[in-house]
Amino acid sequence: MLVLASGSATHNFQANEAHNKKFMTALGEAVEQPQAKAEESPSQARTRQAGLEWEKLPSARMAHPEEDHLVPLFVALGAAEADQPKGKIVGKVVPGGSWQLASVLFE
């Protein structure tokens, strides 16, 4: 099965680059390493395992005041056939300013 979802990794023209970088790093870790790390609290581990709790990631609401452009990631994450779907960011594009795009592959 192939599910293709298209959206924006960040979408707030008021956010600065530092906020977007922090969010992109956390989002990448959440999809690429869904398993809990030993040093994480239970709530941090749950956030990592359930990418849909994206609002708990650092600078989340600065990167996305509204989640509408991030929803395609939820679709792909939900369609992944695993209890803890592991994704991989396979491409990043920064067209300008605070807008960032990312391609995530779930195998």
Protein backbone atom coordinates (compact mmCIF):
# COMPACT_ATOMS: atom_id res chain seq x y z
CA MET A 1 0.00 0.00 0.00
CA LEU A 2 1.19 3.51 -0.82
CA VAL A 3 -0.21 6.57 0.93
CA LEU A 4 0.98 9.91 -0.33
CA ALA A 5 0.29 12.93 1.86
CA SER A 6 1.35 16.50 1.14
CA GLY A 7 1.50 19.38 3.61
CA SER A 8 3.86 21.81 5.29
CA ALA A 9 6.30 20.93 8.05
CA THR A 10 6.04 24.50 9.35
CA HIS A 11 3.48 27.13 8.48
CA ASN A 12 3.73 30.37 10.43
CA PHE A 13 5.12 33.36 8.64
CA GLN A 14 5.54 35.11 12.01
CA ALA A 15 7.81 32.40 13.50
CA ASN A 16 11.53 32.84 13.47
CA GLU A 17 14.03 30.34 12.13
CA ALA A 18 15.07 29.17 15.62
CA HIS A 19 11.51 28.11 16.50
CA ASN A 20 11.08 26.28 13.20
CA LYS A 21 14.42 24.51 13.55
CA LYS A 22 13.53 23.38 17.08
CA PHE A 23 10.16 22.06 15.89
CA MET A 24 11.63 20.37 12.80
CA THR A 25 14.25 18.61 14.93
CA ALA A 26 11.62 17.36 17.38
CA LEU A 27 9.25 16.33 14.59
CA GLY A 28 12.04 14.43 12.85
CA GLU A 29 12.90 12.59 16.07
CA ALA A 30 9.22 11.77 16.69
CA VAL A 31 8.75 10.13 13.30
CA GLU A 32 12.22 8.58 12.94
CA GLN A 33 12.53 7.23 16.50
CA PRO A 34 9.01 6.43 17.74
CA GLN A 35 10.29 4.20 20.51
CA ALA A 36 10.79 5.71 23.93
CA LYS A 37 14.27 6.65 25.11
CA ALA A 38 15.41 5.59 28.57
CA GLU A 39 15.82 9.17 29.80
CA GLU A 40 12.33 10.26 28.75
CA SER A 41 9.45 10.74 31.12
CA PRO A 42 6.30 8.69 30.40
CA SER A 43 4.61 11.74 28.86
CA GLN A 44 7.61 12.44 26.59
CA ALA A 45 7.69 8.79 25.54
CA ARG A 46 3.97 8.83 24.80
CA THR A 47 4.41 11.99 22.72
CA ARG A 48 7.14 10.31 20.70
CA GLN A 49 5.05 7.17 20.21
CA ALA A 50 1.93 9.07 19.23
CA GLY A 51 2.99 11.65 16.66
CA LEU A 52 -0.54 12.95 16.74
CA GLU A 53 0.31 14.67 20.02
CA TRP A 54 2.48 17.04 18.01
CA GLU A 55 1.39 20.07 20.08
CA LYS A 56 3.65 18.85 22.88
CA LEU A 57 6.74 19.10 20.68
CA PRO A 58 9.00 22.13 21.26
CA SER A 59 7.84 25.29 19.46
CA ALA A 60 4.87 23.42 17.97
CA ARG A 61 2.37 26.24 18.03
CA MET A 62 4.99 28.73 16.86
CA ALA A 63 5.62 26.52 13.83
CA HIS A 64 1.90 25.78 13.34
CA PRO A 65 -0.66 28.21 14.79
CA GLU A 66 -3.26 25.91 13.21
CA GLU A 67 -2.68 22.24 12.38
CA ASP A 68 -4.36 22.31 8.98
CA HIS A 69 -1.11 22.11 7.01
CA LEU A 70 0.23 19.32 9.24
CA VAL A 71 -2.85 17.08 8.96
CA PRO A 72 -1.49 15.10 5.96
CA LEU A 73 1.26 13.79 8.24
CA PHE A 74 -1.45 12.45 10.56
CA VAL A 75 -3.02 10.58 7.64
CA ALA A 76 0.28 8.97 6.65
CA LEU A 77 1.10 8.15 10.27
CA GLY A 78 -2.30 6.56 10.78
CA ALA A 79 -1.99 4.52 7.58
CA ALA A 80 1.43 3.14 8.55
CA GLU A 81 1.06 -0.55 9.31
CA ALA A 82 2.75 -0.83 12.71
CA ASP A 83 2.03 -0.26 16.38
CA GLN A 84 4.91 2.20 16.46
CA PRO A 85 5.36 3.36 12.88
CA LYS A 86 8.89 4.38 12.10
CA GLY A 87 9.28 7.04 9.47
CA LYS A 88 12.19 8.69 7.78
CA ILE A 89 12.48 12.27 6.63
CA VAL A 90 13.63 11.82 3.05
CA GLY A 91 13.60 15.43 1.94
CA LYS A 92 13.49 18.98 3.26
CA VAL A 93 12.88 22.20 1.39
CA VAL A 94 12.97 25.75 2.73
CA PRO A 95 11.31 27.87 0.02
CA GLY A 96 11.77 31.05 2.02
CA GLY A 97 11.27 32.74 5.33
CA SER A 98 9.71 30.56 7.99
CA TRP A 99 8.01 28.15 5.61
CA GLN A 100 9.48 24.62 5.53
CA LEU A 101 8.46 21.47 3.71
CA ALA A 102 9.47 17.90 4.56
CA SER A 103 8.86 14.54 2.95
CA VAL A 104 8.36 11.64 5.37
CA LEU A 105 8.41 8.00 4.30
CA PHE A 106 6.85 5.29 6.47
CA GLU A 107 7.90 1.77 5.45
